[in-house]
Protein backbone atom coordinates (compact mmCIF):
# COMPACT_ATOMS: atom_id res chain seq x y z
CA MET A 1 86.90 80.44 145.71
CA ARG A 2 89.29 81.94 143.43
CA LEU A 3 93.02 82.77 145.02
CA PHE A 4 93.85 85.57 143.58
CA HIS A 5 91.59 88.74 142.69
CA ILE A 6 92.04 88.46 138.74
CA ALA A 7 89.87 87.43 135.68
CA SER A 8 90.50 84.20 133.97
CA ASP A 9 91.02 83.77 130.43
CA ASP A 10 87.35 82.06 129.96
CA GLU A 11 85.90 85.45 131.72
CA ILE A 12 87.77 87.72 129.87
CA LYS A 13 86.76 85.75 126.63
CA GLN A 14 83.25 85.25 127.88
CA ALA A 15 83.07 89.21 128.34
CA ARG A 16 82.70 89.22 132.17
CA THR A 17 84.72 92.15 132.66
CA THR A 18 82.97 94.38 130.57
CA ASP A 19 81.47 97.30 131.82
CA ILE A 20 77.60 97.11 132.80
CA TYR A 21 76.38 99.67 130.52
CA PHE A 22 77.43 97.53 127.58
CA VAL A 23 75.17 94.89 129.00
CA LEU A 24 72.35 97.07 129.13
CA THR A 25 72.87 98.46 125.80
CA LYS A 26 73.11 95.03 124.42
CA GLN A 27 69.68 94.26 126.06
CA VAL A 28 67.94 97.20 124.75
CA LEU A 29 69.09 96.79 121.26
CA GLU A 30 68.23 93.38 121.14
CA ALA A 31 64.88 93.95 122.46
CA LYS A 32 64.36 96.41 119.64
CA ALA A 33 65.77 94.04 117.13
CA LEU A 34 68.66 96.47 116.63
CA GLY A 35 71.41 94.02 117.58
CA LYS A 36 72.26 93.16 113.91
CA THR A 37 73.11 96.71 112.78
CA ARG A 38 76.18 96.96 111.00
CA VAL A 39 78.78 99.52 112.04
CA ILE A 40 82.00 100.27 111.49
CA ALA A 41 83.95 101.39 114.49
CA GLU A 42 87.56 102.92 114.95
CA VAL A 43 90.20 103.34 117.45
CA THR A 44 92.01 106.42 118.23
CA SER A 45 93.95 107.72 120.95
CA GLY A 46 93.63 111.14 122.80
CA ARG A 47 96.49 113.57 123.17
CA LEU A 48 99.55 111.42 124.58
CA PRO A 49 100.79 111.45 128.10
CA GLU A 50 103.16 114.09 129.20
CA GLY A 51 103.23 115.64 125.74
CA TRP A 52 104.58 112.37 124.09
CA PRO A 53 104.94 113.25 120.42
CA TRP A 54 104.83 109.44 119.44
CA GLY A 55 103.18 105.94 120.78
CA PHE A 56 103.97 102.10 120.15
CA LEU A 57 101.04 100.28 119.89
CA CYS A 58 101.11 96.99 121.97
CA GLY A 59 98.56 94.20 122.76
CA ILE A 60 97.39 93.35 119.51
CA GLU A 61 98.28 89.50 120.00
CA GLU A 62 96.28 89.32 123.13
CA LEU A 63 93.04 91.41 121.31
CA THR A 64 93.56 88.83 118.38
CA GLN A 65 92.79 86.17 120.74
CA LEU A 66 89.84 87.95 122.20
CA PHE A 67 88.31 88.73 118.98
CA GLU A 68 88.80 84.92 117.48
CA GLY A 69 85.59 83.40 117.50
CA ILE A 70 83.20 86.71 116.81
CA PRO A 71 81.81 86.96 113.73
CA ILE A 72 83.43 90.50 113.16
CA ASP A 73 86.33 91.66 110.92
CA VAL A 74 89.08 93.50 112.29
CA TYR A 75 91.93 95.80 110.77
CA SER A 76 94.62 96.88 112.83
CA MET A 77 98.29 98.44 112.56
CA PRO A 78 100.49 96.04 113.24
CA GLU A 79 101.63 95.63 116.38
CA GLY A 80 105.17 97.37 117.31
CA SER A 81 103.97 100.23 115.06
CA ALA A 82 104.72 103.71 116.01
CA PHE A 83 101.74 105.91 115.97
CA HIS A 84 100.86 109.88 116.37
CA HIS A 85 97.70 110.86 117.80
CA VAL A 86 97.01 113.33 114.52
CA ASP A 87 98.13 112.79 111.36
CA HIS A 88 100.22 115.26 108.96
CA GLN A 89 96.95 117.22 108.26
CA GLY A 90 95.66 117.19 112.23
CA PHE A 91 92.98 114.33 111.88
CA GLN A 92 92.76 111.68 114.41
CA VAL A 93 94.45 108.50 113.72
CA PRO A 94 92.70 105.26 113.90
CA VAL A 95 94.79 102.42 114.81
CA MET A 96 92.43 99.73 114.21
CA ARG A 97 88.75 99.33 112.55
CA ILE A 98 85.85 97.01 113.50
CA GLU A 99 83.19 96.14 110.81
CA GLY A 100 80.34 94.13 112.24
CA ALA A 101 76.91 93.70 113.88
CA TYR A 102 77.42 95.97 116.94
CA GLY A 103 75.37 93.67 119.29
CA GLU A 104 78.26 90.87 118.17
CA PHE A 105 80.97 93.07 119.85
CA CYS A 106 79.50 95.79 122.27
CA LEU A 107 80.37 93.84 125.07
CA TYR A 108 84.18 93.64 124.42
CA GLU A 109 84.66 97.20 124.02
CA THR A 110 86.28 97.44 127.70
CA PRO A 111 88.64 94.59 127.51
CA LEU A 112 89.69 95.78 123.94
CA LEU A 113 90.78 99.01 125.43
CA GLY A 114 92.25 97.32 128.44
CA LEU A 115 94.42 95.28 126.22
CA ILE A 116 96.05 97.86 124.52
CA CYS A 117 95.87 101.29 126.70
CA GLN A 118 98.31 99.79 129.29
CA GLY A 119 100.51 97.86 127.11
CA SER A 120 100.91 100.71 124.71
CA GLY A 121 101.84 103.26 127.66
CA ILE A 122 104.32 100.38 129.11
CA ALA A 123 106.06 99.93 125.51
CA THR A 124 105.94 103.57 124.77
CA ARG A 125 107.92 104.75 127.73
CA ALA A 126 110.55 101.70 127.55
CA ALA A 127 110.67 103.15 123.59
CA ARG A 128 111.82 106.49 125.26
CA ILE A 129 114.22 105.20 127.55
CA ARG A 130 115.74 103.41 125.04
CA LYS A 131 116.28 106.28 122.78
CA VAL A 132 117.75 107.95 125.62
CA ALA A 133 119.96 105.14 126.28
CA GLY A 134 121.50 104.47 122.88
CA ASN A 135 122.87 100.80 122.76
CA LYS A 136 123.42 100.64 126.74
CA LYS A 137 122.05 97.28 128.15
CA LEU A 138 118.45 98.01 129.81
CA ILE A 139 116.80 95.30 131.78
CA SER A 140 112.87 95.34 132.92
CA PHE A 141 112.83 95.19 136.79
CA GLY A 142 109.47 96.69 137.60
CA ILE A 143 107.36 93.76 138.13
CA ARG A 144 107.60 93.64 141.95
CA ARG A 145 105.23 97.16 142.01
CA MET A 146 102.54 95.64 140.10
CA HIS A 147 99.96 92.97 140.37
CA PRO A 148 101.67 89.63 140.09
CA SER A 149 99.51 88.67 137.35
CA LEU A 150 100.29 91.22 135.11
CA SER A 151 104.12 90.25 135.25
CA PRO A 152 104.44 88.48 131.84
CA MET A 153 102.16 91.63 130.08
CA ILE A 154 104.71 94.31 131.56
CA ASP A 155 108.04 92.68 130.70
CA ARG A 156 106.70 91.57 127.23
CA ALA A 157 105.66 95.57 126.47
CA ALA A 158 108.90 96.48 127.82
CA PHE A 159 110.75 94.08 125.77
CA ILE A 160 108.65 95.25 122.86
CA GLY A 161 109.63 98.72 123.51
CA GLY A 162 113.44 98.19 123.34
CA PHE A 163 114.56 96.47 126.45
CA ASP A 164 117.16 93.98 126.56
CA ALA A 165 115.83 91.70 128.76
CA VAL A 166 113.37 91.26 131.83
CA SER A 167 113.66 90.11 135.11
CA SER A 168 110.55 87.75 135.53
CA LEU A 169 110.47 84.05 134.80
CA MET A 170 107.10 84.22 133.22
CA GLY A 171 108.25 87.38 131.37
CA ALA A 172 111.33 85.62 129.77
CA LYS A 173 109.30 82.70 128.69
CA ILE A 174 106.46 84.65 126.89
CA THR A 175 109.47 86.89 125.34
CA GLU A 176 111.42 83.39 124.59
CA THR A 177 114.57 85.08 126.47
CA LYS A 178 116.40 84.32 129.49
CA PRO A 179 115.67 85.96 132.70
CA VAL A 180 118.26 88.42 134.01
CA GLY A 181 119.04 89.44 137.31
CA THR A 182 121.84 90.45 139.60
CA MET A 183 121.66 89.83 143.34
CA PRO A 184 119.63 91.24 146.29
CA HIS A 185 120.66 93.07 149.39
CA ALA A 186 119.12 90.16 151.25
CA LEU A 187 121.51 87.66 150.20
CA ILE A 188 124.25 90.10 151.47
CA ILE A 189 122.52 90.82 154.78
CA VAL A 190 121.85 86.99 155.59
CA PHE A 191 125.88 86.31 154.99
CA GLY A 192 126.49 89.44 156.93
CA ASP A 193 129.53 90.07 154.84
CA GLN A 194 129.81 91.23 151.34
CA VAL A 195 132.45 89.04 150.15
CA ASN A 196 131.37 85.87 151.57
CA ALA A 197 128.11 86.55 149.75
CA TRP A 198 129.53 87.37 146.72
CA LYS A 199 132.05 84.40 146.65
CA ALA A 200 129.05 82.08 147.84
CA PHE A 201 127.11 83.13 144.90
CA ASP A 202 130.10 82.43 142.27
CA GLU A 203 130.54 79.08 143.84
CA VAL A 204 126.92 78.10 143.80
CA ILE A 205 125.57 79.79 140.71
CA GLU A 206 126.23 78.17 137.07
CA ASP A 207 128.65 79.96 134.84
CA GLU A 208 126.60 81.06 132.14
CA VAL A 209 124.85 83.62 134.77
CA PRO A 210 126.87 86.85 134.61
CA ARG A 211 128.79 87.88 138.00
CA VAL A 212 127.23 91.34 138.86
CA ALA A 213 127.78 92.06 142.48
CA LEU A 214 125.77 94.58 144.20
CA VAL A 215 127.95 97.04 146.16
CA ASP A 216 126.30 99.55 148.18
CA THR A 217 125.03 97.41 150.97
CA TYR A 218 127.19 98.12 154.05
CA SER A 219 130.23 100.47 153.04
CA ASP A 220 131.45 103.47 150.39
CA GLU A 221 130.34 102.11 146.48
CA LYS A 222 133.47 102.67 145.47
CA VAL A 223 135.32 100.87 148.17
CA GLU A 224 132.78 97.68 147.43
CA ALA A 225 133.34 97.71 143.81
CA ILE A 226 137.26 97.49 144.64
CA MET A 227 136.62 94.79 147.09
CA ALA A 228 134.09 92.83 144.72
CA ALA A 229 136.92 93.33 141.83
CA LYS A 230 139.43 91.94 143.65
CA ALA A 231 137.26 88.97 145.38
CA LEU A 232 136.13 87.65 142.05
CA ARG A 233 138.25 86.73 138.85
CA LYS A 234 135.15 86.37 136.71
CA LEU A 235 133.45 89.57 137.83
CA GLN A 236 131.22 91.27 135.12
CA ALA A 237 129.83 93.79 136.64
CA VAL A 238 129.39 95.92 139.67
CA ARG A 239 125.64 96.93 140.62
CA LEU A 240 124.74 100.46 142.28
CA ASP A 241 121.18 100.42 143.89
CA THR A 242 122.00 104.12 145.55
CA PRO A 243 119.41 104.90 148.34
CA SER A 244 117.31 108.19 147.82
CA SER A 245 119.41 109.84 150.45
CA ARG A 246 122.50 109.94 148.18
CA LYS A 247 120.51 110.02 144.70
CA GLY A 248 121.32 113.58 143.85
CA HIS A 249 125.06 112.44 143.97
CA PHE A 250 124.24 109.27 141.88
CA ALA A 251 126.33 110.15 138.72
CA ASP A 252 129.27 111.48 140.71
CA ILE A 253 129.26 108.05 142.14
CA VAL A 254 129.13 106.44 139.18
CA ARG A 255 132.24 108.46 138.02
CA GLU A 256 133.97 107.64 141.34
CA VAL A 257 133.48 104.00 141.10
CA ARG A 258 134.68 104.29 137.37
CA TRP A 259 137.85 105.89 138.03
CA GLU A 260 139.07 103.51 141.15
CA LEU A 261 138.32 100.43 139.05
CA ASN A 262 139.95 101.92 135.79
CA VAL A 263 143.04 102.72 137.61
CA ARG A 264 143.61 99.34 139.32
CA GLY A 265 143.09 97.93 136.29
CA TYR A 266 139.86 96.75 136.06
CA GLU A 267 138.62 98.46 132.99
CA HIS A 268 136.45 95.53 131.99
CA VAL A 269 133.96 95.65 134.85
CA GLN A 270 130.87 97.42 133.80
CA ILE A 271 128.90 99.52 135.78
CA PHE A 272 125.12 98.55 136.41
CA VAL A 273 122.82 101.10 138.01
CA SER A 274 119.01 100.59 138.97
CA GLY A 275 116.67 102.22 141.58
CA GLY A 276 114.39 104.57 140.76
CA LEU A 277 115.34 105.61 137.24
CA ASN A 278 113.79 107.58 134.91
CA GLU A 279 114.23 109.12 131.34
CA GLU A 280 116.28 112.20 132.97
CA SER A 281 118.47 109.97 135.42
CA VAL A 282 119.29 107.54 132.82
CA LYS A 283 120.74 110.43 130.63
CA ARG A 284 122.84 111.78 133.23
CA LEU A 285 124.23 108.32 134.35
CA ASP A 286 124.76 107.41 130.90
CA GLU A 287 127.05 110.43 130.41
CA ALA A 288 128.59 109.65 133.79
CA GLY A 289 129.77 106.12 132.40
CA ALA A 290 126.98 103.66 133.50
CA ASP A 291 127.00 100.63 131.04
CA ALA A 292 123.80 99.10 131.78
CA PHE A 293 120.34 100.22 133.38
CA GLY A 294 117.55 98.15 135.59
CA VAL A 295 114.65 100.42 135.15
CA GLY A 296 111.33 99.46 137.14
CA THR A 297 108.66 101.33 138.19
CA TYR A 298 108.90 104.19 135.87
CA VAL A 299 108.06 101.93 133.16
CA SER A 300 105.97 99.09 134.49
CA ASN A 301 103.83 102.16 136.18
CA SER A 302 103.80 103.92 132.92
CA PRO A 303 100.66 106.11 132.23
CA ALA A 304 98.03 104.26 129.86
CA ILE A 305 97.23 105.55 126.42
CA ASN A 306 93.86 107.24 126.14
CA PHE A 307 92.39 105.27 123.16
CA ALA A 308 88.69 105.22 123.03
CA LEU A 309 86.21 103.12 120.09
CA ASP A 310 83.62 105.09 118.35
CA ILE A 311 81.00 104.31 115.86
CA VAL A 312 82.05 106.08 112.44
CA GLU A 313 79.24 104.35 110.12
CA ILE A 314 75.74 102.63 110.72
CA ASP A 315 74.42 100.58 107.68
CA GLY A 316 76.37 102.50 105.55
CA ASN A 317 75.66 105.71 106.55
CA LEU A 318 78.05 108.57 107.91
CA CYS A 319 77.79 109.35 111.54
CA ALA A 320 79.94 110.32 114.58
CA LYS A 321 79.68 111.72 117.73
CA ARG A 322 81.20 115.22 118.61
CA GLY A 323 85.10 115.51 118.20
CA LYS A 324 85.22 112.46 115.88
CA LEU A 325 85.11 112.22 112.16
CA SER A 326 82.63 110.25 110.42
CA GLY A 327 83.25 107.65 107.72
CA LYS A 328 85.40 104.50 106.95
CA LYS A 329 89.09 105.71 106.52
CA GLU A 330 92.41 104.66 105.65
CA VAL A 331 95.77 105.28 107.40
CA TRP A 332 98.49 106.08 104.89
CA ARG A 333 102.35 106.02 105.91
CA CYS A 334 105.56 106.73 104.39
CA GLU A 335 107.81 104.47 105.86
CA GLU A 336 110.90 106.78 105.25
CA CYS A 337 109.46 109.72 107.20
CA LEU A 338 106.73 107.92 109.24
CA VAL A 339 104.40 110.70 108.28
CA ASP A 340 100.68 109.53 108.43
CA LEU A 341 97.85 110.79 106.01
CA VAL A 342 94.07 109.77 107.07
CA LEU A 343 91.81 109.44 104.02
CA PRO A 344 88.48 108.64 103.27
CA TYR A 345 88.29 104.78 102.54
CA ASP A 346 87.80 105.44 98.68
CA LYS A 347 90.50 108.03 98.05
CA SER A 348 93.52 106.80 96.28
CA GLN A 349 96.73 105.88 97.18
CA PRO A 350 98.68 109.31 98.11
CA LYS A 351 102.22 110.28 98.18
CA CYS A 352 104.16 111.17 101.32
CA PRO A 353 103.49 114.86 101.67
CA THR A 354 106.97 115.28 102.98
CA CYS A 355 109.03 113.83 100.88
CA HIS A 356 106.89 112.43 98.09
CA GLY A 357 107.56 108.91 98.26
CA LYS A 358 105.46 105.92 98.25
CA THR A 359 102.94 105.10 101.23
CA ARG A 360 101.46 102.25 102.33
CA ARG A 361 98.18 100.93 104.44
CA MET A 362 98.57 100.67 107.97
CA LEU A 363 95.32 98.96 108.86
CA GLU A 364 95.94 95.23 108.13
CA PRO A 365 93.56 92.25 108.20
CA LEU A 366 93.78 90.71 111.73
CA VAL A 367 90.55 88.63 111.96
CA LYS A 368 88.12 87.84 109.07
CA ASN A 369 84.85 86.65 110.58
CA GLY A 370 85.93 85.37 113.77
CA THR A 371 89.04 83.73 112.15
CA ILE A 372 92.75 85.01 112.73
CA VAL A 373 94.07 85.51 109.30
CA ALA A 374 97.47 87.46 110.47
CA GLU A 375 100.50 86.15 110.83
CA LEU A 376 101.49 87.26 114.52
CA PRO A 377 105.22 87.94 114.89
CA LYS A 378 107.25 86.74 117.67
CA PRO A 379 108.22 89.32 120.38
CA ARG A 380 111.70 89.80 119.26
CA GLU A 381 110.55 90.48 115.43
CA ILE A 382 108.21 93.03 117.32
CA ARG A 383 110.91 94.75 119.08
CA ASP A 384 113.35 94.60 116.10
CA TYR A 385 110.38 96.42 113.90
CA VAL A 386 110.43 99.14 116.91
CA LEU A 387 113.81 99.79 117.09
CA LYS A 388 114.11 100.29 113.30
CA GLN A 389 111.16 103.09 113.63
CA LEU A 390 112.92 104.50 116.73
CA GLN A 391 115.82 105.56 114.74
CA LYS A 392 113.41 107.79 113.11
CA LEU A 393 111.96 109.20 115.81
CA ALA A 394 112.79 112.54 118.15
CA LEU A 395 111.85 112.41 121.91
CA LYS A 396 110.10 115.79 121.39
CA PRO A 397 107.77 117.44 119.12
CA THR A 398 109.83 118.79 115.98
CA ASN A 399 107.28 121.47 115.20
């Protein structure tokens, strides 16, 4: 009997998480001697959620492990690549290509899509928050709203999308960072007094952990902020996790707290905000003077990217279902403009249609005949790649 309702690594690798119709499909193909039919299949996305003009590809490391040992070839955009659902000409952009006998990989379509749809949605929304927050600190606080088995994946995707740190122990391990958190209301309530709780935290917890006092448990936020600044000599920040009843005035509360701390000589004490934050509220609170943000459910519960896998060639012959483009393709990108051109695979390297600069192939070898051939970058390297591209991207469509 399993303790939790989740699939094991082995069950995923054995395609036990697939949809039944793929099992039936494989059964029919093998019965009719078609299981070895060689195909080329591509992963493309539909229109992105909420009108997003771009997304960030996430989940490629897991997908690589999924396909290890399966005799197929997989080509993919590198993890952390920005992508658009259509290119400069309006053609759908493949983020991945699979070549091989369809019977070898048909059972894996379900986990393949699951590995990249959810993670890419989280990474994309995290990147959008990063764009809004500028250089302010962002912490991933959203795992408590999701199944605990997903906490490492969620925090990794948020980190890759540009967050500075994560709250979960396993998320920190997988991102090779230190977990970051403050203190819960429960600690203060158990002590029955804010100052006693703050001082106890300061006495017990090692010095390397920043002193961030939660200042909205019992009294007015600015009153508790002043109390905390007076009580803790090493106070780094105060955290406001203001309840929804006062959310309409949250920016004003931040301004009040900032003013009252400053006039008493506590300019060095930062303001950390959390609680139901989204793109709009982060922007308002940033303008009000907040220094750091703990963003939770808005990122962890991000809408999934609507990726789909479609066959575009069978035994060298062009084919595609309605709404898809037949034939093997290459995606060419100008790294200066982040403009993509999708062309038939046998076409020569184009110039960027915008700046006339050089383009590069985006679909790189990931797995060859079941062997991993790509170097898988560390999460921080992927994050750096995301942030470099993010500088050139606008939150809203430019045309």
